Protein backbone atom coordinates (compact mmCIF):
# COMPACT_ATOMS: atom_id res chain seq x y z
CA MET A 1 247.61 224.54 284.13
CA PRO A 2 249.42 222.94 280.97
CA ILE A 3 252.36 224.60 280.46
CA VAL A 4 254.33 225.35 277.24
CA ASP A 5 257.56 225.85 276.61
CA ALA A 6 257.56 228.20 272.89
CA GLN A 7 260.86 228.40 272.55
CA VAL A 8 263.88 225.19 273.02
CA HIS A 9 267.01 224.55 270.95
CA LEU A 10 268.71 220.70 270.37
CA TRP A 11 272.19 219.80 269.11
CA ARG A 12 274.53 218.14 269.68
CA THR A 13 277.30 219.03 267.53
CA GLY A 14 278.82 221.94 266.30
CA ILE A 15 279.01 224.99 268.62
CA ALA A 16 277.00 227.21 269.74
CA HIS A 17 276.87 231.02 269.43
CA PRO A 18 276.62 232.43 272.90
CA PRO A 19 275.60 232.52 275.90
CA HIS A 20 273.94 229.46 275.00
CA PRO A 21 276.57 226.82 275.70
CA ALA A 22 279.18 224.80 274.36
CA LYS A 23 278.63 221.72 275.60
CA PRO A 24 275.65 220.08 273.28
CA PHE A 25 271.58 219.82 275.11
CA LEU A 26 269.88 216.60 274.28
CA VAL A 27 266.16 215.79 274.31
CA GLU A 28 266.97 213.71 277.35
CA ASP A 29 267.99 217.29 279.29
CA ALA A 30 265.07 219.12 278.32
CA ILE A 31 263.43 216.08 279.42
CA SER A 32 265.13 216.20 283.30
CA GLY A 33 264.80 220.03 282.96
CA MET A 34 261.04 220.02 281.87
CA ASP A 35 260.29 217.48 285.18
CA GLU A 36 261.82 219.56 287.28
CA ALA A 37 260.58 222.93 285.96
CA GLY A 38 256.44 221.36 285.94
CA ILE A 39 257.05 222.18 282.21
CA ASP A 40 254.21 219.93 280.35
CA ARG A 41 255.57 220.52 276.37
CA ALA A 42 258.54 222.21 274.71
CA LEU A 43 258.16 223.24 271.33
CA VAL A 44 262.01 222.42 268.95
CA HIS A 45 263.99 225.23 267.35
CA PRO A 46 266.35 223.70 265.50
CA PRO A 47 269.24 225.19 266.02
CA ALA A 48 270.66 225.03 262.52
CA SER A 49 272.81 227.65 262.02
CA TRP A 50 275.25 225.68 264.26
CA ASP A 51 274.47 222.81 264.53
CA PRO A 52 273.32 220.97 261.12
CA LEU A 53 271.74 218.26 261.81
CA SER A 54 269.64 219.73 264.14
CA ASN A 55 266.76 219.62 262.24
CA GLU A 56 266.52 216.19 262.32
CA GLN A 57 267.38 216.11 266.10
CA ALA A 58 264.04 217.36 266.66
CA VAL A 59 262.44 215.33 264.44
CA GLU A 60 264.24 212.53 266.62
CA ALA A 61 262.79 214.38 270.33
CA ILE A 62 259.18 213.66 268.27
CA GLN A 63 259.50 210.23 267.14
CA ALA A 64 260.46 209.16 271.08
CA TYR A 65 258.41 211.59 273.00
CA PRO A 66 255.40 212.84 270.74
CA GLU A 67 253.26 214.07 273.87
CA ARG A 68 256.06 216.31 275.64
CA PHE A 69 257.72 217.72 271.47
CA ALA A 70 256.82 220.20 267.93
CA ILE A 71 258.22 221.28 265.82
CA LEU A 72 259.46 224.83 264.33
CA GLY A 73 261.73 223.70 261.94
CA CYS A 74 264.58 225.36 259.76
CA PRO A 75 264.84 224.99 256.41
CA SER A 76 267.17 226.06 254.22
CA VAL A 77 266.12 229.20 252.64
CA ASP A 78 269.03 230.69 250.14
CA GLN A 79 269.20 227.32 247.69
CA PRO A 80 266.05 226.42 244.15
CA GLU A 81 264.89 223.68 246.58
CA SER A 82 263.65 225.65 249.39
CA PRO A 83 260.44 227.30 248.37
CA GLU A 84 259.76 222.79 247.91
CA LEU A 85 261.19 221.93 251.55
CA ILE A 86 258.97 225.12 252.77
CA ARG A 87 255.90 222.25 251.20
CA GLU A 88 257.40 219.79 251.91
CA TRP A 89 258.85 219.68 255.54
CA LYS A 90 255.30 220.39 256.98
CA GLU A 91 254.43 216.89 256.57
CA ARG A 92 256.94 215.88 258.62
CA PRO A 93 256.28 214.48 261.84
CA GLY A 94 255.39 216.92 264.90
CA MET A 95 256.60 219.96 262.28
CA LEU A 96 253.59 222.89 262.53
CA GLY A 97 255.43 225.78 260.96
CA TYR A 98 259.45 226.99 260.77
CA ARG A 99 261.78 229.27 262.84
CA PHE A 100 264.15 231.81 260.90
CA TYR A 101 266.31 233.88 262.37
CA PHE A 102 268.73 236.63 259.95
CA ASN A 103 271.13 237.06 262.58
CA GLN A 104 274.72 236.70 260.69
CA PRO A 105 276.77 238.94 257.98
CA HIS A 106 275.56 236.96 255.12
CA ASN A 107 272.11 237.18 254.54
CA ARG A 108 271.32 239.81 257.92
CA ALA A 109 270.36 241.43 255.05
CA TRP A 110 267.59 239.12 253.00
CA PRO A 111 264.88 240.32 254.64
CA ILE A 112 264.41 243.05 253.39
CA ASP A 113 266.39 243.28 249.90
CA GLY A 114 264.19 241.05 248.39
CA THR A 115 265.89 237.85 248.67
CA LEU A 116 262.74 235.94 250.89
CA ASP A 117 260.12 237.95 248.84
CA TRP A 118 258.94 234.03 247.98
CA LEU A 119 258.67 233.15 251.54
CA TRP A 120 255.91 234.91 252.00
CA PRO A 121 253.57 233.87 250.14
CA ALA A 122 254.78 230.04 249.65
CA ALA A 123 254.37 229.58 253.19
CA GLU A 124 250.79 231.22 253.73
CA GLU A 125 250.31 228.38 250.42
CA ALA A 126 251.68 226.10 252.37
CA GLY A 127 249.31 227.13 256.18
CA THR A 128 252.92 226.86 257.36
CA PRO A 129 253.65 229.41 260.60
CA LEU A 130 256.84 231.42 260.24
CA ALA A 131 258.43 233.32 263.88
CA LEU A 132 260.28 235.61 263.10
CA LEU A 133 263.94 237.14 264.78
CA ALA A 134 262.91 240.65 263.77
CA GLY A 135 263.06 242.57 266.05
CA ASP A 136 265.69 244.95 263.73
CA TRP A 137 262.33 244.58 260.97
CA LEU A 138 259.57 245.55 262.30
CA PRO A 139 257.87 247.69 260.95
CA LEU A 140 258.07 245.65 257.32
CA LEU A 141 256.90 242.03 259.32
CA GLY A 142 254.34 244.53 259.12
CA GLU A 143 253.48 245.09 255.88
CA ILE A 144 254.20 241.20 255.52
CA ALA A 145 251.18 240.58 257.87
CA ALA A 146 249.19 243.08 255.84
CA ARG A 147 249.92 241.51 252.17
CA HIS A 148 249.08 238.04 253.63
CA PRO A 149 246.78 237.81 255.89
CA ALA A 150 245.95 234.16 256.07
CA LEU A 151 249.69 234.20 257.32
CA LYS A 152 250.54 233.46 261.40
CA LEU A 153 253.60 235.53 262.93
CA MET A 154 255.85 235.05 265.65
CA VAL A 155 257.93 238.27 267.34
CA ASP A 156 260.96 236.30 268.24
CA HIS A 157 262.10 237.10 271.51
CA MET A 158 259.52 240.33 272.00
CA GLY A 159 261.83 241.79 270.09
CA ALA A 160 263.75 242.28 271.90
CA VAL A 161 268.13 243.81 271.66
CA ARG A 162 269.76 240.17 271.66
CA GLY A 163 272.68 241.57 274.51
CA ALA A 164 270.82 244.57 276.13
CA THR A 165 269.22 244.57 279.56
CA GLY A 166 266.23 246.64 281.02
CA ASP A 167 265.20 249.49 279.21
CA ALA A 168 268.06 249.56 276.71
CA ALA A 169 267.14 246.40 275.24
CA PHE A 170 262.63 246.76 274.14
CA PRO A 171 263.68 250.70 272.79
CA LYS A 172 261.63 249.57 270.02
CA MET A 173 258.18 248.85 271.48
CA LYS A 174 255.90 250.76 270.52
CA GLU A 175 256.34 249.42 267.18
CA LEU A 176 255.97 245.99 268.55
CA THR A 177 252.83 246.73 270.13
CA ALA A 178 251.74 248.41 266.51
CA LEU A 179 251.63 245.74 264.88
CA SER A 180 249.26 243.85 267.41
CA ARG A 181 246.55 245.50 264.31
CA PHE A 182 248.14 243.01 262.47
CA SER A 183 245.12 239.69 264.31
CA ASN A 184 247.82 236.82 262.08
CA VAL A 185 250.34 238.39 264.43
CA ALA A 186 251.76 237.11 267.75
CA VAL A 187 254.22 237.52 270.02
CA LYS A 188 256.93 235.50 271.66
CA LEU A 189 257.66 236.19 275.01
CA THR A 190 260.61 234.26 275.28
CA GLY A 191 264.35 234.85 277.03
CA GLY A 192 262.67 237.65 278.99
CA PRO A 193 265.08 236.98 282.42
CA PHE A 194 268.03 237.50 280.04
CA TYR A 195 266.52 241.55 279.13
CA ALA A 196 266.18 241.76 282.63
CA ASP A 197 268.61 245.08 284.70
CA ASP A 198 267.51 242.72 288.29
CA THR A 199 267.62 239.20 289.73
CA TYR A 200 264.72 237.16 290.73
CA PRO A 201 261.44 237.88 289.45
CA PHE A 202 262.98 240.19 287.35
CA LYS A 203 259.75 242.54 288.06
CA SER A 204 261.95 244.97 285.57
CA LEU A 205 259.93 243.28 282.75
CA HIS A 206 256.83 243.69 284.22
CA LYS A 207 256.65 246.92 282.18
CA HIS A 208 257.53 245.80 279.14
CA TYR A 209 255.49 242.96 279.76
CA ARG A 210 252.40 245.14 280.59
CA ALA A 211 252.53 246.83 277.23
CA MET A 212 252.68 243.64 274.92
CA TYR A 213 249.63 242.46 277.74
CA ASP A 214 247.84 245.66 277.17
CA ALA A 215 248.24 245.52 272.55
CA PHE A 216 248.80 242.02 271.90
CA GLY A 217 245.95 240.57 274.94
CA PRO A 218 246.34 236.79 276.12
CA HIS A 219 245.49 235.00 273.12
CA ARG A 220 249.11 236.27 271.20
CA LEU A 221 251.60 236.36 274.30
CA PHE A 222 253.10 232.56 273.50
CA TRP A 223 255.42 232.64 276.98
CA GLY A 224 258.71 229.89 276.86
CA THR A 225 262.57 230.94 277.76
CA ASP A 226 265.59 229.55 275.47
CA ILE A 227 266.52 227.92 277.78
CA THR A 228 269.55 227.23 277.48
CA LYS A 229 271.27 231.02 277.70
CA MET A 230 268.79 231.22 280.54
CA PRO A 231 270.28 233.44 283.89
CA CYS A 232 267.77 230.99 286.22
CA SER A 233 266.49 228.46 286.57
CA TRP A 234 264.01 226.60 283.80
CA LYS A 235 261.48 226.62 287.46
CA GLU A 236 262.03 230.60 287.93
CA CYS A 237 261.38 230.77 284.27
CA VAL A 238 257.52 229.41 285.04
CA THR A 239 257.46 231.14 288.49
CA HIS A 240 258.62 234.65 287.67
CA PHE A 241 255.66 234.81 284.99
CA GLN A 242 253.63 232.73 287.34
CA GLU A 243 253.83 234.89 290.31
CA ILE A 244 252.28 238.60 287.95
CA ASP A 245 249.76 239.58 290.52
CA TRP A 246 248.08 241.90 287.23
CA ILE A 247 247.39 239.20 284.81
CA PRO A 248 244.63 237.08 285.45
CA ASP A 249 245.21 232.63 286.10
CA ALA A 250 243.03 232.47 283.21
CA ASP A 251 245.23 234.85 280.75
CA LYS A 252 247.84 233.08 282.66
CA ASP A 253 246.49 229.51 281.30
CA LEU A 254 246.48 231.12 277.32
CA ILE A 255 249.98 232.86 276.91
CA MET A 256 251.87 229.89 279.71
CA GLY A 257 250.26 227.05 277.08
CA ASP A 258 246.66 227.12 275.20
CA ALA A 259 247.92 230.18 273.46
CA VAL A 260 250.98 228.46 270.85
CA CYS A 261 249.01 225.28 271.31
CA ASP A 262 245.94 226.77 269.68
CA TRP A 263 248.21 229.06 267.54
CA LEU A 264 250.11 226.63 266.08
CA GLY A 265 247.14 223.97 265.96
CA TRP A 266 248.75 221.82 268.30
CA LYS A 267 246.35 219.06 269.25
CA ARG A 268 245.69 218.60 272.84
């Protein structure tokens, strides 16, 4: 079974947002950790908010290890040329779509105040899937999905509350699972152990995993780590999910690799 991590950050400069560590995380660090944990591929999410050069670093990772990485890029969305970037960046090496997070004071309202109304049709027309840190505006994501049925949308980190653990991390599970009625919405099961209120094998996550599995099925759930903020090893991120006994092995194959590759058109 090929294992694909649906979210990894690489950066060289800048001050990382805690709990990510202050020191850089380079492609060589990722390759070493992936090899140790038995991970075949990873989807790079450039953390452009703290390292403006991370998009270029991601392309360099593709050029160095074309069989191991692909990219969900993070072009600027607040510049006059931004619509053009959405069209042009899809031609960059390894670019399979874009990932945006609006969690800073200056951009937190952008998804809901009309600032990004241009983005959804532009990405749909360009055929570029979007991953979005949308836990605070899940109903709006449903409206976007309905208006743009050809636009593939991924909810980051299960829509969980950053910094919370246990049930407190998943207060909007009903809003999240309601999105399963839109065939163009999927969920990234990224960062699971970060939201657990118990230790390995993090069984406190199982009921939340089960709710998403029952709603979306294995073809629209994408396992991953966001490894640089995990409270455990990369290997434990893998095995805690592999050891879930109520998910059939064939469905684990989908969730841990095949499904995200199919969703994004990542050739294997």
